[in-house]
């Protein structure tokens, strides 16, 4: 059902937001760790922050896509078939939302190396 899927996606977005904040906190902990050399700490913290910022971009994309979906859901006439709702999900640009098999599972997908963009 569409509202259950939307709730699952909102939960996943909240989880991703919390992970971003945790990553920034971890970077700050690296910077404040006196046992780590200053240069090594800066390098490691910078990589952690870049990766966290990439997460922010994904969160923003998720929110924009869910806004589009909800607006389209609201425009559907009452009693629309489930296929109409699924067509809306399928039309979204972000694979995490567009593909049903990826719905709400980003937490179980391994992340890659941070990339500067």
N, C-alpha and C. Protein backbone atom coordinates (compact mmCIF):
# COMPACT_ATOMS: atom_id res chain seq x y z
N UNK A 1 0.85 -1.18 0.00
CA UNK A 1 0.00 0.00 0.00
C UNK A 1 0.89 1.25 0.00
N UNK A 2 0.44 2.27 -0.67
CA UNK A 2 1.23 3.48 -0.88
C UNK A 2 1.60 4.19 0.42
N UNK A 3 0.67 4.34 1.35
CA UNK A 3 1.00 5.04 2.60
C UNK A 3 2.00 4.25 3.43
N UNK A 4 1.92 2.94 3.39
CA UNK A 4 2.91 2.13 4.11
C UNK A 4 4.29 2.31 3.49
N UNK A 5 4.33 2.33 2.17
CA UNK A 5 5.62 2.53 1.49
C UNK A 5 6.15 3.93 1.78
N UNK A 6 5.29 4.92 1.75
CA UNK A 6 5.73 6.28 2.06
C UNK A 6 6.27 6.36 3.48
N UNK A 7 5.61 5.70 4.43
CA UNK A 7 6.09 5.68 5.81
C UNK A 7 7.46 5.01 5.89
N UNK A 8 7.66 3.92 5.16
CA UNK A 8 8.95 3.22 5.14
C UNK A 8 10.04 4.14 4.56
N UNK A 9 9.70 4.88 3.51
CA UNK A 9 10.67 5.79 2.90
C UNK A 9 10.98 6.97 3.82
N UNK A 10 10.00 7.46 4.53
CA UNK A 10 10.25 8.54 5.50
C UNK A 10 11.13 8.04 6.64
N UNK A 11 10.90 6.82 7.10
CA UNK A 11 11.77 6.23 8.13
C UNK A 11 13.20 6.12 7.62
N UNK A 12 13.36 5.67 6.37
CA UNK A 12 14.69 5.54 5.81
C UNK A 12 15.36 6.90 5.68
N UNK A 13 14.61 7.92 5.32
CA UNK A 13 15.17 9.27 5.21
C UNK A 13 15.61 9.77 6.59
N UNK A 14 14.82 9.50 7.60
CA UNK A 14 15.20 9.87 8.97
C UNK A 14 16.47 9.13 9.39
N UNK A 15 16.58 7.85 9.04
CA UNK A 15 17.77 7.07 9.37
C UNK A 15 18.99 7.65 8.68
N UNK A 16 18.85 8.01 7.39
CA UNK A 16 19.96 8.59 6.66
C UNK A 16 20.38 9.94 7.26
N UNK A 17 19.41 10.72 7.70
CA UNK A 17 19.71 12.01 8.33
C UNK A 17 20.49 11.79 9.62
N UNK A 18 20.06 10.83 10.42
CA UNK A 18 20.78 10.53 11.67
C UNK A 18 22.19 10.03 11.38
N UNK A 19 22.35 9.23 10.34
CA UNK A 19 23.68 8.73 9.97
C UNK A 19 24.59 9.88 9.55
N UNK A 20 24.04 10.87 8.85
CA UNK A 20 24.82 12.03 8.45
C UNK A 20 25.33 12.78 9.68
N UNK A 21 24.45 13.02 10.62
CA UNK A 21 24.84 13.73 11.85
C UNK A 21 25.87 12.91 12.63
N UNK A 22 25.67 11.61 12.71
CA UNK A 22 26.64 10.75 13.40
C UNK A 22 28.01 10.81 12.72
N UNK A 23 28.02 10.84 11.39
CA UNK A 23 29.29 10.90 10.65
C UNK A 23 30.03 12.20 10.94
N UNK A 24 29.32 13.29 11.01
CA UNK A 24 29.95 14.58 11.34
C UNK A 24 30.48 14.53 12.77
N UNK A 25 29.71 13.95 13.68
CA UNK A 25 30.18 13.79 15.06
C UNK A 25 31.43 12.93 15.14
N UNK A 26 31.46 11.86 14.35
CA UNK A 26 32.64 10.99 14.32
C UNK A 26 33.86 11.75 13.79
N UNK A 27 33.64 12.59 12.77
CA UNK A 27 34.74 13.39 12.22
C UNK A 27 35.27 14.36 13.27
N UNK A 28 34.38 14.95 14.03
CA UNK A 28 34.81 15.85 15.11
C UNK A 28 35.59 15.09 16.18
N UNK A 29 35.17 13.86 16.46
CA UNK A 29 35.89 13.05 17.44
C UNK A 29 37.30 12.73 16.95
N UNK A 30 37.45 12.47 15.65
CA UNK A 30 38.78 12.22 15.09
C UNK A 30 39.65 13.47 15.25
N UNK A 31 39.08 14.62 14.94
CA UNK A 31 39.84 15.87 15.04
C UNK A 31 40.26 16.19 16.48
N UNK A 32 39.46 15.78 17.43
CA UNK A 32 39.77 16.10 18.83
C UNK A 32 40.57 15.01 19.53
N UNK A 33 40.89 13.92 18.84
CA UNK A 33 41.63 12.82 19.43
C UNK A 33 43.12 13.16 19.44
N UNK A 34 43.67 13.36 20.61
CA UNK A 34 45.08 13.74 20.75
C UNK A 34 46.03 12.60 20.37
N UNK A 35 45.52 11.36 20.31
CA UNK A 35 46.36 10.23 19.95
C UNK A 35 46.59 10.11 18.45
N UNK A 36 45.85 10.88 17.66
CA UNK A 36 46.00 10.85 16.20
C UNK A 36 46.77 12.09 15.79
N UNK A 37 47.77 11.93 14.95
CA UNK A 37 48.54 13.07 14.47
C UNK A 37 47.64 14.06 13.75
N UNK A 38 48.01 15.33 13.82
CA UNK A 38 47.17 16.40 13.27
C UNK A 38 46.90 16.21 11.79
N UNK A 39 47.92 15.91 11.02
CA UNK A 39 47.74 15.74 9.56
C UNK A 39 46.85 14.54 9.27
N UNK A 40 47.10 13.43 9.94
CA UNK A 40 46.28 12.23 9.74
C UNK A 40 44.83 12.49 10.15
N UNK A 41 44.65 13.21 11.25
CA UNK A 41 43.30 13.52 11.72
C UNK A 41 42.56 14.38 10.72
N UNK A 42 43.24 15.40 10.19
CA UNK A 42 42.59 16.27 9.20
C UNK A 42 42.22 15.49 7.94
N UNK A 43 43.11 14.66 7.47
CA UNK A 43 42.86 13.88 6.25
C UNK A 43 41.67 12.94 6.46
N UNK A 44 41.70 12.23 7.57
CA UNK A 44 40.62 11.27 7.86
C UNK A 44 39.30 11.99 8.08
N UNK A 45 39.31 13.08 8.84
CA UNK A 45 38.08 13.83 9.10
C UNK A 45 37.52 14.44 7.83
N UNK A 46 38.39 14.94 6.97
CA UNK A 46 37.92 15.53 5.70
C UNK A 46 37.21 14.48 4.86
N UNK A 47 37.77 13.28 4.78
CA UNK A 47 37.13 12.21 4.02
C UNK A 47 35.77 11.85 4.62
N UNK A 48 35.70 11.81 5.93
CA UNK A 48 34.44 11.49 6.61
C UNK A 48 33.38 12.57 6.34
N UNK A 49 33.81 13.82 6.34
CA UNK A 49 32.88 14.93 6.11
C UNK A 49 32.39 14.93 4.67
N UNK A 50 33.29 14.67 3.72
CA UNK A 50 32.89 14.60 2.31
C UNK A 50 31.85 13.51 2.12
N UNK A 51 32.07 12.35 2.73
CA UNK A 51 31.11 11.25 2.61
C UNK A 51 29.78 11.64 3.25
N UNK A 52 29.81 12.32 4.37
CA UNK A 52 28.56 12.76 5.01
C UNK A 52 27.82 13.75 4.13
N UNK A 53 28.56 14.66 3.50
CA UNK A 53 27.92 15.64 2.62
C UNK A 53 27.29 14.97 1.40
N UNK A 54 27.88 13.89 0.93
CA UNK A 54 27.25 13.13 -0.15
C UNK A 54 25.93 12.53 0.33
N UNK A 55 25.88 12.15 1.58
CA UNK A 55 24.63 11.65 2.15
C UNK A 55 23.57 12.73 2.18
N UNK A 56 23.97 13.97 2.44
CA UNK A 56 23.01 15.08 2.45
C UNK A 56 22.38 15.24 1.07
N UNK A 57 23.17 15.11 0.04
CA UNK A 57 22.64 15.23 -1.32
C UNK A 57 21.59 14.16 -1.58
N UNK A 58 21.87 12.95 -1.13
CA UNK A 58 20.92 11.85 -1.31
C UNK A 58 19.64 12.11 -0.52
N UNK A 59 19.78 12.62 0.69
CA UNK A 59 18.60 12.93 1.50
C UNK A 59 17.75 14.01 0.81
N UNK A 60 18.41 15.02 0.29
CA UNK A 60 17.69 16.07 -0.42
C UNK A 60 16.96 15.51 -1.64
N UNK A 61 17.62 14.65 -2.40
CA UNK A 61 16.97 14.02 -3.56
C UNK A 61 15.77 13.20 -3.14
N UNK A 62 15.91 12.44 -2.04
CA UNK A 62 14.79 11.63 -1.54
C UNK A 62 13.62 12.52 -1.19
N UNK A 63 13.88 13.61 -0.46
CA UNK A 63 12.81 14.51 -0.04
C UNK A 63 12.11 15.13 -1.24
N UNK A 64 12.88 15.59 -2.22
CA UNK A 64 12.29 16.17 -3.43
C UNK A 64 11.44 15.14 -4.17
N UNK A 65 11.95 13.92 -4.30
CA UNK A 65 11.19 12.87 -4.99
C UNK A 65 9.91 12.52 -4.23
N UNK A 66 9.98 12.43 -2.90
CA UNK A 66 8.77 12.13 -2.14
C UNK A 66 7.76 13.27 -2.23
N UNK A 67 8.22 14.50 -2.30
CA UNK A 67 7.32 15.64 -2.48
C UNK A 67 6.59 15.52 -3.81
N UNK A 68 7.32 15.19 -4.86
CA UNK A 68 6.71 14.98 -6.17
C UNK A 68 5.66 13.87 -6.10
N UNK A 69 6.04 12.76 -5.49
CA UNK A 69 5.13 11.62 -5.41
C UNK A 69 3.86 11.98 -4.65
N UNK A 70 4.00 12.60 -3.49
CA UNK A 70 2.82 12.94 -2.69
C UNK A 70 1.93 13.93 -3.43
N UNK A 71 2.52 14.89 -4.13
CA UNK A 71 1.72 15.84 -4.91
C UNK A 71 0.93 15.11 -6.00
N UNK A 72 1.57 14.16 -6.64
CA UNK A 72 0.88 13.38 -7.67
C UNK A 72 -0.18 12.46 -7.07
N UNK A 73 0.11 11.88 -5.90
CA UNK A 73 -0.90 11.05 -5.23
C UNK A 73 -2.15 11.88 -4.94
N UNK A 74 -1.94 13.10 -4.44
CA UNK A 74 -3.06 13.97 -4.08
C UNK A 74 -3.91 14.34 -5.30
N UNK A 75 -3.30 14.35 -6.48
CA UNK A 75 -4.03 14.70 -7.69
C UNK A 75 -4.84 13.54 -8.27
N UNK A 76 -4.58 12.32 -7.79
CA UNK A 76 -5.32 11.17 -8.30
C UNK A 76 -6.77 11.21 -7.81
N UNK A 77 -7.69 10.78 -8.63
CA UNK A 77 -9.08 10.73 -8.17
C UNK A 77 -9.26 9.65 -7.11
N UNK A 78 -10.22 9.84 -6.22
CA UNK A 78 -10.49 8.80 -5.21
C UNK A 78 -10.78 7.46 -5.89
N UNK A 79 -10.30 6.42 -5.27
CA UNK A 79 -10.53 5.08 -5.79
C UNK A 79 -9.61 4.67 -6.92
N UNK A 80 -8.54 5.43 -7.13
CA UNK A 80 -7.60 5.07 -8.19
C UNK A 80 -6.99 3.71 -7.87
N UNK A 81 -6.71 2.92 -8.92
CA UNK A 81 -6.13 1.60 -8.68
C UNK A 81 -4.70 1.69 -8.16
N UNK A 82 -4.27 0.63 -7.50
CA UNK A 82 -2.90 0.58 -6.98
C UNK A 82 -1.88 0.81 -8.08
N UNK A 83 -2.18 0.38 -9.29
CA UNK A 83 -1.26 0.55 -10.42
C UNK A 83 -0.97 2.02 -10.68
N UNK A 84 -1.93 2.89 -10.44
CA UNK A 84 -1.71 4.33 -10.65
C UNK A 84 -0.68 4.85 -9.65
N UNK A 85 -0.75 4.38 -8.41
CA UNK A 85 0.21 4.79 -7.40
C UNK A 85 1.60 4.22 -7.71
N UNK A 86 1.64 2.97 -8.14
CA UNK A 86 2.92 2.36 -8.49
C UNK A 86 3.55 3.05 -9.69
N UNK A 87 2.73 3.51 -10.63
CA UNK A 87 3.26 4.25 -11.77
C UNK A 87 3.93 5.54 -11.32
N UNK A 88 3.38 6.17 -10.30
CA UNK A 88 3.99 7.39 -9.76
C UNK A 88 5.34 7.07 -9.13
N UNK A 89 5.39 6.02 -8.30
CA UNK A 89 6.67 5.62 -7.71
C UNK A 89 7.67 5.33 -8.82
N UNK A 90 7.24 4.61 -9.84
CA UNK A 90 8.13 4.20 -10.93
C UNK A 90 8.66 5.37 -11.74
N UNK A 91 7.95 6.49 -11.71
CA UNK A 91 8.37 7.65 -12.51
C UNK A 91 9.43 8.51 -11.82
N UNK A 92 9.73 8.23 -10.57
CA UNK A 92 10.67 9.05 -9.82
C UNK A 92 12.10 8.83 -10.31
N UNK A 93 12.93 9.84 -10.12
CA UNK A 93 14.29 9.78 -10.62
C UNK A 93 15.27 9.04 -9.73
N UNK A 94 15.01 8.94 -8.46
CA UNK A 94 15.94 8.31 -7.52
C UNK A 94 15.64 6.81 -7.42
N UNK A 95 16.61 5.97 -7.78
CA UNK A 95 16.38 4.53 -7.80
C UNK A 95 15.88 3.98 -6.47
N UNK A 96 16.35 4.53 -5.35
CA UNK A 96 15.91 4.05 -4.04
C UNK A 96 14.39 4.14 -3.89
N UNK A 97 13.78 5.10 -4.57
CA UNK A 97 12.33 5.27 -4.49
C UNK A 97 11.64 4.66 -5.70
N UNK A 98 12.28 4.71 -6.84
CA UNK A 98 11.67 4.27 -8.10
C UNK A 98 11.54 2.75 -8.17
N UNK A 99 12.55 2.04 -7.68
CA UNK A 99 12.58 0.59 -7.80
C UNK A 99 12.03 -0.05 -6.52
N UNK A 100 10.93 -0.80 -6.63
CA UNK A 100 10.32 -1.39 -5.43
C UNK A 100 11.26 -2.26 -4.61
N UNK A 101 12.17 -2.97 -5.29
CA UNK A 101 13.09 -3.86 -4.56
C UNK A 101 14.12 -3.10 -3.72
N UNK A 102 14.30 -1.81 -3.97
CA UNK A 102 15.23 -1.00 -3.17
C UNK A 102 14.51 -0.18 -2.10
N UNK A 103 13.22 -0.27 -2.05
CA UNK A 103 12.43 0.54 -1.13
C UNK A 103 12.85 0.33 0.33
N UNK A 104 13.34 1.39 0.95
CA UNK A 104 13.66 1.38 2.38
C UNK A 104 14.83 0.53 2.78
N UNK A 105 15.72 0.12 1.85
CA UNK A 105 16.80 -0.80 2.21
C UNK A 105 18.18 -0.18 2.13
N UNK A 106 18.28 1.10 1.96
CA UNK A 106 19.60 1.73 1.80
C UNK A 106 20.53 1.40 2.97
N UNK A 107 20.00 1.18 4.14
CA UNK A 107 20.82 0.87 5.31
C UNK A 107 21.57 -0.45 5.14
N UNK A 108 21.07 -1.33 4.29
CA UNK A 108 21.72 -2.64 4.10
C UNK A 108 22.64 -2.68 2.90
N UNK A 109 22.77 -1.55 2.18
CA UNK A 109 23.64 -1.49 1.01
C UNK A 109 24.97 -0.89 1.45
N UNK A 110 26.05 -1.57 1.13
CA UNK A 110 27.37 -1.10 1.52
C UNK A 110 27.69 0.19 0.78
N UNK A 111 28.27 1.16 1.48
CA UNK A 111 28.66 2.41 0.86
C UNK A 111 30.02 2.28 0.22
N UNK A 112 30.31 3.18 -0.70
CA UNK A 112 31.59 3.16 -1.38
C UNK A 112 32.54 4.18 -0.80
N UNK A 113 33.60 4.41 -1.50
CA UNK A 113 34.59 5.41 -1.09
C UNK A 113 34.03 6.80 -1.34
N UNK A 114 34.39 7.76 -0.49
CA UNK A 114 33.93 9.12 -0.74
C UNK A 114 34.54 9.67 -2.01
N UNK A 115 33.75 10.45 -2.75
CA UNK A 115 34.23 11.07 -3.97
C UNK A 115 34.00 12.57 -3.87
N UNK A 116 34.96 13.33 -4.33
CA UNK A 116 34.76 14.77 -4.39
C UNK A 116 33.97 15.07 -5.65
N UNK A 117 33.02 15.98 -5.52
CA UNK A 117 32.19 16.31 -6.68
C UNK A 117 32.18 17.78 -6.91
